[in-house]
PDB file of N, CA and C in Angstrom:
ATOM      1  N   MET A   1      17.695  66.238  12.081  1.00  0.00           N
ATOM      2  CA  MET A   1      16.290  66.356  12.105  1.00  0.00           C
ATOM      3  C   MET A   1      15.668  64.976  12.045  1.00  0.00           C
ATOM      4  N   ARG A   2      16.244  64.084  11.313  1.00  0.00           N
ATOM      5  CA  ARG A   2      15.739  62.727  11.206  1.00  0.00           C
ATOM      6  C   ARG A   2      15.727  62.010  12.591  1.00  0.00           C
ATOM      7  N   ALA A   3      16.828  62.258  13.369  1.00  0.00           N
ATOM      8  CA  ALA A   3      16.914  61.587  14.668  1.00  0.00           C
ATOM      9  C   ALA A   3      15.797  62.143  15.567  1.00  0.00           C
ATOM     10  N   LEU A   4      15.476  63.422  15.506  1.00  0.00           N
ATOM     11  CA  LEU A   4      14.430  63.986  16.333  1.00  0.00           C
ATOM     12  C   LEU A   4      13.081  63.393  15.963  1.00  0.00           C
ATOM     13  N   ALA A   5      12.828  63.297  14.654  1.00  0.00           N
ATOM     14  CA  ALA A   5      11.557  62.712  14.191  1.00  0.00           C
ATOM     15  C   ALA A   5      11.435  61.270  14.579  1.00  0.00           C
ATOM     16  N   ASP A   6      12.546  60.481  14.528  1.00  0.00           N
ATOM     17  CA  ASP A   6      12.540  59.114  14.983  1.00  0.00           C
ATOM     18  C   ASP A   6      12.268  58.989  16.478  1.00  0.00           C
ATOM     19  N   GLN A   7      12.806  59.901  17.220  1.00  0.00           N
ATOM     20  CA  GLN A   7      12.615  59.885  18.678  1.00  0.00           C
ATOM     21  C   GLN A   7      11.123  60.199  19.019  1.00  0.00           C
ATOM     22  N   ALA A   8      10.621  61.238  18.367  1.00  0.00           N
ATOM     23  CA  ALA A   8       9.216  61.587  18.553  1.00  0.00           C
ATOM     24  C   ALA A   8       8.276  60.419  18.150  1.00  0.00           C
ATOM     25  N   ASP A   9       8.552  59.798  17.064  1.00  0.00           N
ATOM     26  CA  ASP A   9       7.765  58.629  16.649  1.00  0.00           C
ATOM     27  C   ASP A   9       7.831  57.494  17.708  1.00  0.00           C
ATOM     28  N   ASP A  10       8.987  57.212  18.219  1.00  0.00           N
ATOM     29  CA  ASP A  10       9.191  56.148  19.195  1.00  0.00           C
ATOM     30  C   ASP A  10       8.408  56.484  20.455  1.00  0.00           C
ATOM     31  N   THR A  11       8.412  57.769  20.802  1.00  0.00           N
ATOM     32  CA  THR A  11       7.713  58.257  22.063  1.00  0.00           C
ATOM     33  C   THR A  11       6.241  58.013  21.876  1.00  0.00           C
ATOM     34  N   VAL A  12       5.700  58.411  20.725  1.00  0.00           N
ATOM     35  CA  VAL A  12       4.228  58.246  20.529  1.00  0.00           C
ATOM     36  C   VAL A  12       3.881  56.771  20.519  1.00  0.00           C
ATOM     37  N   LEU A  13       4.679  55.941  19.869  1.00  0.00           N
ATOM     38  CA  LEU A  13       4.373  54.504  19.796  1.00  0.00           C
ATOM     39  C   LEU A  13       4.464  53.848  21.191  1.00  0.00           C
ATOM     40  N   ASP A  14       5.347  54.362  22.028  1.00  0.00           N
ATOM     41  CA  ASP A  14       5.425  53.866  23.387  1.00  0.00           C
ATOM     42  C   ASP A  14       4.211  54.269  24.263  1.00  0.00           C
ATOM     43  N   HIS A  15       3.647  55.416  23.961  1.00  0.00           N
ATOM     44  CA  HIS A  15       2.533  55.978  24.738  1.00  0.00           C
ATOM     45  C   HIS A  15       1.170  55.386  24.338  1.00  0.00           C
ATOM     46  N   ILE A  16       1.079  54.903  23.143  1.00  0.00           N
ATOM     47  CA  ILE A  16      -0.222  54.327  22.680  1.00  0.00           C
ATOM     48  C   ILE A  16      -0.684  53.192  23.585  1.00  0.00           C
ATOM     49  N   PRO A  17       0.160  52.155  23.786  1.00  0.00           N
ATOM     50  CA  PRO A  17      -0.307  51.023  24.683  1.00  0.00           C
ATOM     51  C   PRO A  17      -0.617  51.511  26.106  1.00  0.00           C
ATOM     52  N   VAL A  18       0.134  52.530  26.592  1.00  0.00           N
ATOM     53  CA  VAL A  18      -0.097  53.047  27.957  1.00  0.00           C
ATOM     54  C   VAL A  18      -1.511  53.615  28.015  1.00  0.00           C
ATOM     55  N   MET A  19      -1.892  54.447  26.962  1.00  0.00           N
ATOM     56  CA  MET A  19      -3.183  55.056  26.931  1.00  0.00           C
ATOM     57  C   MET A  19      -4.286  53.972  26.824  1.00  0.00           C
ATOM     58  N   GLU A  20      -3.993  52.957  26.032  1.00  0.00           N
ATOM     59  CA  GLU A  20      -5.026  51.948  25.848  1.00  0.00           C
ATOM     60  C   GLU A  20      -5.176  51.114  27.173  1.00  0.00           C
ATOM     61  N   GLN A  21      -4.146  50.896  27.951  1.00  0.00           N
ATOM     62  CA  GLN A  21      -4.228  50.140  29.175  1.00  0.00           C
ATOM     63  C   GLN A  21      -4.928  50.917  30.273  1.00  0.00           C
ATOM     64  N   THR A  22      -5.039  52.225  30.179  1.00  0.00           N
ATOM     65  CA  THR A  22      -5.732  52.966  31.269  1.00  0.00           C
ATOM     66  C   THR A  22      -7.246  52.804  31.169  1.00  0.00           C
ATOM     67  N   GLY A  23      -7.737  52.461  29.931  1.00  0.00           N
ATOM     68  CA  GLY A  23      -9.140  52.359  29.720  1.00  0.00           C
ATOM     69  C   GLY A  23      -9.801  53.769  29.569  1.00  0.00           C
ATOM     70  N   LEU A  24      -8.987  54.832  29.651  1.00  0.00           N
ATOM     71  CA  LEU A  24      -9.577  56.202  29.498  1.00  0.00           C
ATOM     72  C   LEU A  24      -9.668  56.651  28.047  1.00  0.00           C
ATOM     73  N   ALA A  25      -8.982  56.015  27.142  1.00  0.00           N
ATOM     74  CA  ALA A  25      -9.032  56.364  25.779  1.00  0.00           C
ATOM     75  C   ALA A  25     -10.210  55.706  25.115  1.00  0.00           C
ATOM     76  N   ASP A  26     -11.151  56.545  24.638  1.00  0.00           N
ATOM     77  CA  ASP A  26     -12.367  56.038  23.962  1.00  0.00           C
ATOM     78  C   ASP A  26     -12.194  56.270  22.469  1.00  0.00           C
ATOM     79  N   PHE A  27     -11.669  55.250  21.785  1.00  0.00           N
ATOM     80  CA  PHE A  27     -11.351  55.444  20.378  1.00  0.00           C
ATOM     81  C   PHE A  27     -12.589  55.557  19.440  1.00  0.00           C
ATOM     82  N   ASP A  28     -13.753  55.189  19.961  1.00  0.00           N
ATOM     83  CA  ASP A  28     -14.947  55.372  19.220  1.00  0.00           C
ATOM     84  C   ASP A  28     -15.333  56.872  19.181  1.00  0.00           C
ATOM     85  N   GLN A  29     -14.790  57.634  20.070  1.00  0.00           N
ATOM     86  CA  GLN A  29     -15.081  59.029  20.147  1.00  0.00           C
ATOM     87  C   GLN A  29     -14.136  59.836  19.233  1.00  0.00           C
ATOM     88  N   VAL A  30     -13.130  59.306  18.700  1.00  0.00           N
ATOM     89  CA  VAL A  30     -12.172  60.036  17.898  1.00  0.00           C
ATOM     90  C   VAL A  30     -12.790  60.143  16.499  1.00  0.00           C
ATOM     91  N   PRO A  31     -12.905  61.426  15.987  1.00  0.00           N
ATOM     92  CA  PRO A  31     -13.412  61.590  14.667  1.00  0.00           C
ATOM     93  C   PRO A  31     -12.543  60.921  13.547  1.00  0.00           C
ATOM     94  N   GLN A  32     -13.189  60.388  12.572  1.00  0.00           N
ATOM     95  CA  GLN A  32     -12.480  59.775  11.460  1.00  0.00           C
ATOM     96  C   GLN A  32     -12.097  60.843  10.446  1.00  0.00           C
ATOM     97  N   VAL A  33     -10.934  60.831   9.992  1.00  0.00           N
ATOM     98  CA  VAL A  33     -10.407  61.795   9.030  1.00  0.00           C
ATOM     99  C   VAL A  33     -10.359  61.104   7.680  1.00  0.00           C
ATOM    100  N   VAL A  34     -10.938  61.720   6.667  1.00  0.00           N
ATOM    101  CA  VAL A  34     -10.881  61.108   5.307  1.00  0.00           C
ATOM    102  C   VAL A  34      -9.959  62.004   4.512  1.00  0.00           C
ATOM    103  N   LEU A  35      -8.853  61.466   4.028  1.00  0.00           N
ATOM    104  CA  LEU A  35      -7.940  62.227   3.286  1.00  0.00           C
ATOM    105  C   LEU A  35      -8.203  61.949   1.815  1.00  0.00           C
ATOM    106  N   THR A  36      -8.245  63.016   1.009  1.00  0.00           N
ATOM    107  CA  THR A  36      -8.500  62.889  -0.429  1.00  0.00           C
ATOM    108  C   THR A  36      -7.249  63.504  -1.158  1.00  0.00           C
ATOM    109  N   PRO A  37      -6.826  62.897  -2.201  1.00  0.00           N
ATOM    110  CA  PRO A  37      -5.657  63.444  -2.957  1.00  0.00           C
ATOM    111  C   PRO A  37      -6.097  64.751  -3.627  1.00  0.00           C
ATOM    112  N   PRO A  38      -5.089  65.591  -3.919  1.00  0.00           N
ATOM    113  CA  PRO A  38      -5.454  66.838  -4.635  1.00  0.00           C
ATOM    114  C   PRO A  38      -5.896  66.526  -6.026  1.00  0.00           C
ATOM    115  N   ALA A  39      -6.766  67.477  -6.486  1.00  0.00           N
ATOM    116  CA  ALA A  39      -7.212  67.271  -7.822  1.00  0.00           C
ATOM    117  C   ALA A  39      -6.079  67.428  -8.882  1.00  0.00           C
ATOM    118  N   SER A  40      -6.154  66.613  -9.880  1.00  0.00           N
ATOM    119  CA  SER A  40      -5.068  66.661 -10.915  1.00  0.00           C
ATOM    120  C   SER A  40      -4.950  68.078 -11.511  1.00  0.00           C
ATOM    121  N   GLY A  41      -3.815  68.530 -11.713  1.00  0.00           N
ATOM    122  CA  GLY A  41      -3.593  69.871 -12.322  1.00  0.00           C
ATOM    123  C   GLY A  41      -3.561  70.952 -11.239  1.00  0.00           C
ATOM    124  N   SER A  42      -3.709  70.611  -9.973  1.00  0.00           N
ATOM    125  CA  SER A  42      -3.615  71.611  -8.890  1.00  0.00           C
ATOM    126  C   SER A  42      -2.184  72.075  -8.758  1.00  0.00           C
ATOM    127  N   ALA A  43      -1.977  73.258  -8.328  1.00  0.00           N
ATOM    128  CA  ALA A  43      -0.681  73.833  -8.158  1.00  0.00           C
ATOM    129  C   ALA A  43       0.039  73.101  -6.968  1.00  0.00           C
ATOM    130  N   SER A  44       1.265  72.781  -7.123  1.00  0.00           N
ATOM    131  CA  SER A  44       2.077  72.159  -6.025  1.00  0.00           C
ATOM    132  C   SER A  44       2.883  73.251  -5.364  1.00  0.00           C
ATOM    133  N   PRO A  45       3.202  73.104  -4.100  1.00  0.00           N
ATOM    134  CA  PRO A  45       3.915  74.093  -3.368  1.00  0.00           C
ATOM    135  C   PRO A  45       5.317  74.374  -4.078  1.00  0.00           C
ATOM    136  N   ALA A  46       5.701  75.608  -3.978  1.00  0.00           N
ATOM    137  CA  ALA A  46       6.989  76.024  -4.657  1.00  0.00           C
ATOM    138  C   ALA A  46       8.120  75.478  -3.794  1.00  0.00           C
ATOM    139  N   ALA A  47       9.162  75.003  -4.418  1.00  0.00           N
ATOM    140  CA  ALA A  47      10.331  74.546  -3.767  1.00  0.00           C
ATOM    141  C   ALA A  47      11.130  75.721  -3.225  1.00  0.00           C
ATOM    142  N   GLY A  48      11.606  75.650  -2.006  1.00  0.00           N
ATOM    143  CA  GLY A  48      12.305  76.771  -1.390  1.00  0.00           C
ATOM    144  C   GLY A  48      13.651  76.520  -1.304  1.00  0.00           C
TER     145      GLY A  48
END
């Protein structure tokens, strides 16, 4: 599974400069995502 994740990550990182070089990617149009940590005391997922 780790090898597949590494390959996917490498593929994405290879494609980023290609997208940038086309001039078609408008990064100002990408919505900004704000991540907030869970509130303290919140339930954590059960281990399976």
